[in-house]
Structure formats: C-alpha cells, structure tokens
N, C-alpha and C. Protein backbone atom coordinates (compact mmCIF):
# COMPACT_ATOMS: atom_id res chain seq x y z
N MET A 1 0.82 -1.19 0.00
CA MET A 1 0.00 0.00 0.00
C MET A 1 0.87 1.26 0.00
N ILE A 2 1.89 1.29 0.83
CA ILE A 2 2.78 2.44 0.88
C ILE A 2 3.53 2.58 -0.45
N GLY A 3 3.94 1.47 -1.02
CA GLY A 3 4.62 1.50 -2.31
C GLY A 3 3.72 2.07 -3.40
N PHE A 4 2.45 1.75 -3.35
CA PHE A 4 1.49 2.26 -4.32
C PHE A 4 1.36 3.78 -4.18
N LEU A 5 1.33 4.29 -2.95
CA LEU A 5 1.24 5.73 -2.73
C LEU A 5 2.51 6.44 -3.20
N VAL A 6 3.66 5.84 -2.90
CA VAL A 6 4.93 6.44 -3.33
C VAL A 6 5.02 6.46 -4.86
N PHE A 7 4.63 5.37 -5.50
CA PHE A 7 4.65 5.33 -6.96
C PHE A 7 3.68 6.36 -7.54
N GLY A 8 2.52 6.51 -6.93
CA GLY A 8 1.56 7.53 -7.38
C GLY A 8 2.13 8.93 -7.26
N LEU A 9 2.86 9.20 -6.18
CA LEU A 9 3.48 10.51 -6.01
C LEU A 9 4.57 10.73 -7.06
N VAL A 10 5.34 9.70 -7.34
CA VAL A 10 6.39 9.81 -8.37
C VAL A 10 5.75 10.05 -9.74
N VAL A 11 4.71 9.31 -10.06
CA VAL A 11 4.03 9.48 -11.34
C VAL A 11 3.46 10.89 -11.45
N GLY A 12 2.85 11.38 -10.39
CA GLY A 12 2.31 12.74 -10.41
C GLY A 12 3.40 13.79 -10.58
N ALA A 13 4.53 13.60 -9.90
CA ALA A 13 5.64 14.56 -10.01
C ALA A 13 6.23 14.55 -11.42
N VAL A 14 6.41 13.37 -11.99
CA VAL A 14 6.95 13.28 -13.36
C VAL A 14 5.97 13.90 -14.34
N ALA A 15 4.69 13.67 -14.15
CA ALA A 15 3.68 14.25 -15.03
C ALA A 15 3.70 15.77 -14.96
N ARG A 16 3.89 16.32 -13.76
CA ARG A 16 3.96 17.78 -13.62
C ARG A 16 5.21 18.33 -14.29
N LEU A 17 6.30 17.58 -14.27
CA LEU A 17 7.52 18.01 -14.95
C LEU A 17 7.36 18.00 -16.46
N ILE A 18 6.61 17.02 -16.96
CA ILE A 18 6.41 16.89 -18.41
C ILE A 18 5.44 17.94 -18.92
N LYS A 19 4.38 18.21 -18.16
CA LYS A 19 3.34 19.16 -18.58
C LYS A 19 3.91 20.57 -18.58
N PRO A 20 3.86 21.25 -19.72
CA PRO A 20 4.42 22.61 -19.77
C PRO A 20 3.56 23.60 -18.98
N GLY A 21 4.19 24.64 -18.52
CA GLY A 21 3.48 25.68 -17.79
C GLY A 21 3.45 25.41 -16.30
N ARG A 22 2.86 26.35 -15.59
CA ARG A 22 2.78 26.24 -14.14
C ARG A 22 1.42 25.64 -13.76
N GLN A 23 1.46 24.63 -12.91
CA GLN A 23 0.22 24.02 -12.44
C GLN A 23 -0.04 24.48 -11.01
N ASN A 24 -1.28 24.79 -10.72
CA ASN A 24 -1.66 25.20 -9.37
C ASN A 24 -2.14 23.99 -8.58
N LEU A 25 -1.25 23.03 -8.42
CA LEU A 25 -1.56 21.82 -7.66
C LEU A 25 -0.60 21.72 -6.49
N GLY A 26 -1.12 21.34 -5.36
CA GLY A 26 -0.27 21.10 -4.21
C GLY A 26 0.19 19.66 -4.18
N LEU A 27 0.79 19.28 -3.09
CA LEU A 27 1.29 17.92 -2.92
C LEU A 27 0.14 16.91 -2.95
N LEU A 28 -0.95 17.24 -2.31
CA LEU A 28 -2.10 16.32 -2.27
C LEU A 28 -2.71 16.15 -3.66
N GLY A 29 -2.83 17.24 -4.41
CA GLY A 29 -3.36 17.15 -5.77
C GLY A 29 -2.46 16.32 -6.67
N THR A 30 -1.15 16.51 -6.51
CA THR A 30 -0.19 15.72 -7.29
C THR A 30 -0.32 14.25 -6.94
N LEU A 31 -0.45 13.95 -5.65
CA LEU A 31 -0.59 12.56 -5.21
C LEU A 31 -1.86 11.93 -5.76
N VAL A 32 -2.96 12.64 -5.68
CA VAL A 32 -4.25 12.10 -6.15
C VAL A 32 -4.21 11.84 -7.65
N LEU A 33 -3.71 12.81 -8.42
CA LEU A 33 -3.65 12.62 -9.87
C LEU A 33 -2.65 11.53 -10.25
N GLY A 34 -1.57 11.42 -9.50
CA GLY A 34 -0.61 10.34 -9.74
C GLY A 34 -1.21 8.97 -9.45
N ILE A 35 -1.97 8.87 -8.38
CA ILE A 35 -2.62 7.59 -8.05
C ILE A 35 -3.67 7.24 -9.10
N LEU A 36 -4.45 8.23 -9.52
CA LEU A 36 -5.43 7.96 -10.59
C LEU A 36 -4.74 7.53 -11.88
N GLY A 37 -3.65 8.20 -12.21
CA GLY A 37 -2.88 7.81 -13.39
C GLY A 37 -2.32 6.41 -13.26
N SER A 38 -1.87 6.05 -12.04
CA SER A 38 -1.35 4.70 -11.79
C SER A 38 -2.44 3.65 -11.95
N LEU A 39 -3.63 3.97 -11.47
CA LEU A 39 -4.75 3.04 -11.63
C LEU A 39 -5.07 2.82 -13.10
N ILE A 40 -5.12 3.91 -13.85
CA ILE A 40 -5.40 3.81 -15.28
C ILE A 40 -4.30 3.01 -15.97
N GLY A 41 -3.04 3.30 -15.64
CA GLY A 41 -1.92 2.56 -16.22
C GLY A 41 -1.97 1.08 -15.91
N GLY A 42 -2.34 0.74 -14.67
CA GLY A 42 -2.45 -0.66 -14.29
C GLY A 42 -3.56 -1.38 -15.04
N VAL A 43 -4.68 -0.70 -15.21
CA VAL A 43 -5.81 -1.30 -15.94
C VAL A 43 -5.44 -1.53 -17.40
N VAL A 44 -4.81 -0.53 -18.03
CA VAL A 44 -4.43 -0.67 -19.44
C VAL A 44 -3.39 -1.76 -19.61
N ALA A 45 -2.39 -1.80 -18.74
CA ALA A 45 -1.35 -2.83 -18.83
C ALA A 45 -1.94 -4.22 -18.63
N THR A 46 -2.88 -4.34 -17.71
CA THR A 46 -3.53 -5.63 -17.49
C THR A 46 -4.36 -6.03 -18.70
N ALA A 47 -5.07 -5.06 -19.28
CA ALA A 47 -5.89 -5.35 -20.46
C ALA A 47 -5.03 -5.78 -21.64
N LEU A 48 -3.82 -5.25 -21.73
CA LEU A 48 -2.92 -5.63 -22.82
C LEU A 48 -2.16 -6.92 -22.53
N GLY A 49 -2.32 -7.45 -21.34
CA GLY A 49 -1.73 -8.74 -20.99
C GLY A 49 -0.25 -8.68 -20.64
N THR A 50 0.23 -7.52 -20.16
CA THR A 50 1.65 -7.42 -19.81
C THR A 50 1.94 -7.80 -18.37
N GLY A 51 0.94 -8.09 -17.61
CA GLY A 51 1.14 -8.48 -16.21
C GLY A 51 -0.13 -8.29 -15.42
N LYS A 52 -0.01 -8.47 -14.11
CA LYS A 52 -1.14 -8.28 -13.22
C LYS A 52 -1.30 -6.80 -12.89
N PHE A 53 -2.46 -6.48 -12.38
CA PHE A 53 -2.77 -5.10 -12.03
C PHE A 53 -1.82 -4.56 -10.95
N THR A 54 -1.44 -5.40 -10.02
CA THR A 54 -0.61 -4.97 -8.89
C THR A 54 0.88 -4.99 -9.19
N GLU A 55 1.27 -5.48 -10.35
CA GLU A 55 2.69 -5.54 -10.70
C GLU A 55 3.14 -4.22 -11.30
N LEU A 56 4.40 -3.90 -11.05
CA LEU A 56 4.99 -2.72 -11.66
C LEU A 56 5.70 -3.16 -12.92
N ASN A 57 5.30 -2.60 -14.06
CA ASN A 57 5.98 -2.90 -15.31
C ASN A 57 6.14 -1.62 -16.13
N ILE A 58 6.99 -1.67 -17.12
CA ILE A 58 7.34 -0.48 -17.88
C ILE A 58 6.12 0.09 -18.62
N LEU A 59 5.37 -0.76 -19.29
CA LEU A 59 4.21 -0.27 -20.04
C LEU A 59 3.20 0.39 -19.11
N GLY A 60 2.96 -0.22 -17.97
CA GLY A 60 2.02 0.37 -17.01
C GLY A 60 2.51 1.71 -16.49
N ALA A 61 3.82 1.84 -16.26
CA ALA A 61 4.37 3.10 -15.78
C ALA A 61 4.26 4.19 -16.84
N ILE A 62 4.54 3.84 -18.09
CA ILE A 62 4.44 4.81 -19.18
C ILE A 62 3.00 5.28 -19.35
N VAL A 63 2.08 4.34 -19.35
CA VAL A 63 0.65 4.71 -19.50
C VAL A 63 0.20 5.52 -18.29
N ALA A 64 0.69 5.18 -17.10
CA ALA A 64 0.32 5.93 -15.89
C ALA A 64 0.78 7.38 -15.99
N ILE A 65 1.98 7.61 -16.48
CA ILE A 65 2.49 8.98 -16.60
C ILE A 65 1.69 9.74 -17.65
N ILE A 66 1.40 9.11 -18.78
CA ILE A 66 0.60 9.76 -19.83
C ILE A 66 -0.79 10.10 -19.30
N ALA A 67 -1.39 9.16 -18.58
CA ALA A 67 -2.73 9.40 -18.02
C ALA A 67 -2.69 10.54 -17.00
N ALA A 68 -1.64 10.60 -16.18
CA ALA A 68 -1.54 11.67 -15.19
C ALA A 68 -1.37 13.03 -15.86
N VAL A 69 -0.58 13.09 -16.95
CA VAL A 69 -0.43 14.35 -17.69
C VAL A 69 -1.79 14.80 -18.24
N LEU A 70 -2.54 13.86 -18.80
CA LEU A 70 -3.86 14.20 -19.32
C LEU A 70 -4.81 14.63 -18.20
N LEU A 71 -4.73 13.97 -17.05
CA LEU A 71 -5.58 14.35 -15.92
C LEU A 71 -5.24 15.74 -15.40
N ILE A 72 -3.95 16.09 -15.40
CA ILE A 72 -3.56 17.44 -14.99
C ILE A 72 -4.19 18.46 -15.93
N GLY A 73 -4.17 18.17 -17.23
CA GLY A 73 -4.80 19.07 -18.20
C GLY A 73 -6.29 19.20 -17.97
N VAL A 74 -6.95 18.11 -17.65
CA VAL A 74 -8.39 18.15 -17.40
C VAL A 74 -8.68 18.98 -16.14
N VAL A 75 -7.91 18.75 -15.09
CA VAL A 75 -8.12 19.50 -13.85
C VAL A 75 -7.86 20.98 -14.07
N GLU A 76 -6.81 21.32 -14.81
CA GLU A 76 -6.54 22.72 -15.12
C GLU A 76 -7.69 23.34 -15.92
N GLY A 77 -8.26 22.58 -16.84
CA GLY A 77 -9.39 23.07 -17.61
C GLY A 77 -10.59 23.37 -16.74
N PHE A 78 -10.89 22.48 -15.79
CA PHE A 78 -12.02 22.71 -14.90
C PHE A 78 -11.73 23.86 -13.94
N MET A 79 -10.51 23.96 -13.47
CA MET A 79 -10.16 25.06 -12.56
C MET A 79 -10.21 26.39 -13.29
N GLY A 80 -9.80 26.43 -14.53
CA GLY A 80 -9.84 27.66 -15.31
C GLY A 80 -11.26 28.10 -15.57
N LYS A 81 -12.16 27.16 -15.85
CA LYS A 81 -13.57 27.51 -16.11
C LYS A 81 -14.24 28.03 -14.84
N SER A 82 -13.91 27.41 -13.68
CA SER A 82 -14.55 27.84 -12.45
C SER A 82 -14.05 29.23 -12.03
N ARG A 83 -12.79 29.57 -12.33
CA ARG A 83 -12.26 30.89 -12.02
C ARG A 83 -12.87 31.95 -12.95
N ALA A 84 -13.13 31.57 -14.19
CA ALA A 84 -13.70 32.52 -15.15
C ALA A 84 -15.13 32.89 -14.74
N ARG A 85 -15.85 31.97 -14.13
CA ARG A 85 -17.22 32.23 -13.71
C ARG A 85 -17.29 33.08 -12.46
N ALA A 86 -16.26 32.99 -11.62
CA ALA A 86 -16.28 33.70 -10.32
C ALA A 86 -16.09 35.18 -10.45
C-alpha cells in the first residue's frame, strides 16, 4: 500500500515536470492525480496482458504517466472555467 502511494506521487511529479506551464496543484493534488494515473496505467497494462494489475511494469508506468499528464490538463481546464465564472 505504501509502495502504491509512493509510486503515485512519483508518477504525479513526473507528469507535472512533463506538462508545460505552471500548475496550481499542491502535494495532495499531485498525489491524487498520480494515483489515478497509476490506476489507469495498471488497468491498461492488465488489459494488454503485460502483467497483473498490482505488478509494476514499464508499459504500465508509461501509461500511468501519460494518463496523469492528461488528468492534470483536465483539472486545469475545470479550474480555469470555475475561475472565469467567479
């Protein structure tokens, strides 16, 4: 469980480094988006037959980082729309 949280934090941090521009996310937001990206990566890797959901593999890590980058973009989009309305 702790390893899963640490991997989620690493995935979130790498995704923030890859995503251009400044993100208004704190440590908790990075962790949550990293964990969500890790879950998506695990599901995709399992669906492709590269291993089990709980295993760490390269394809799952790559998909997790890509998913986290996309999730950061989605969250930024929603945050931008809510600020424009306020």
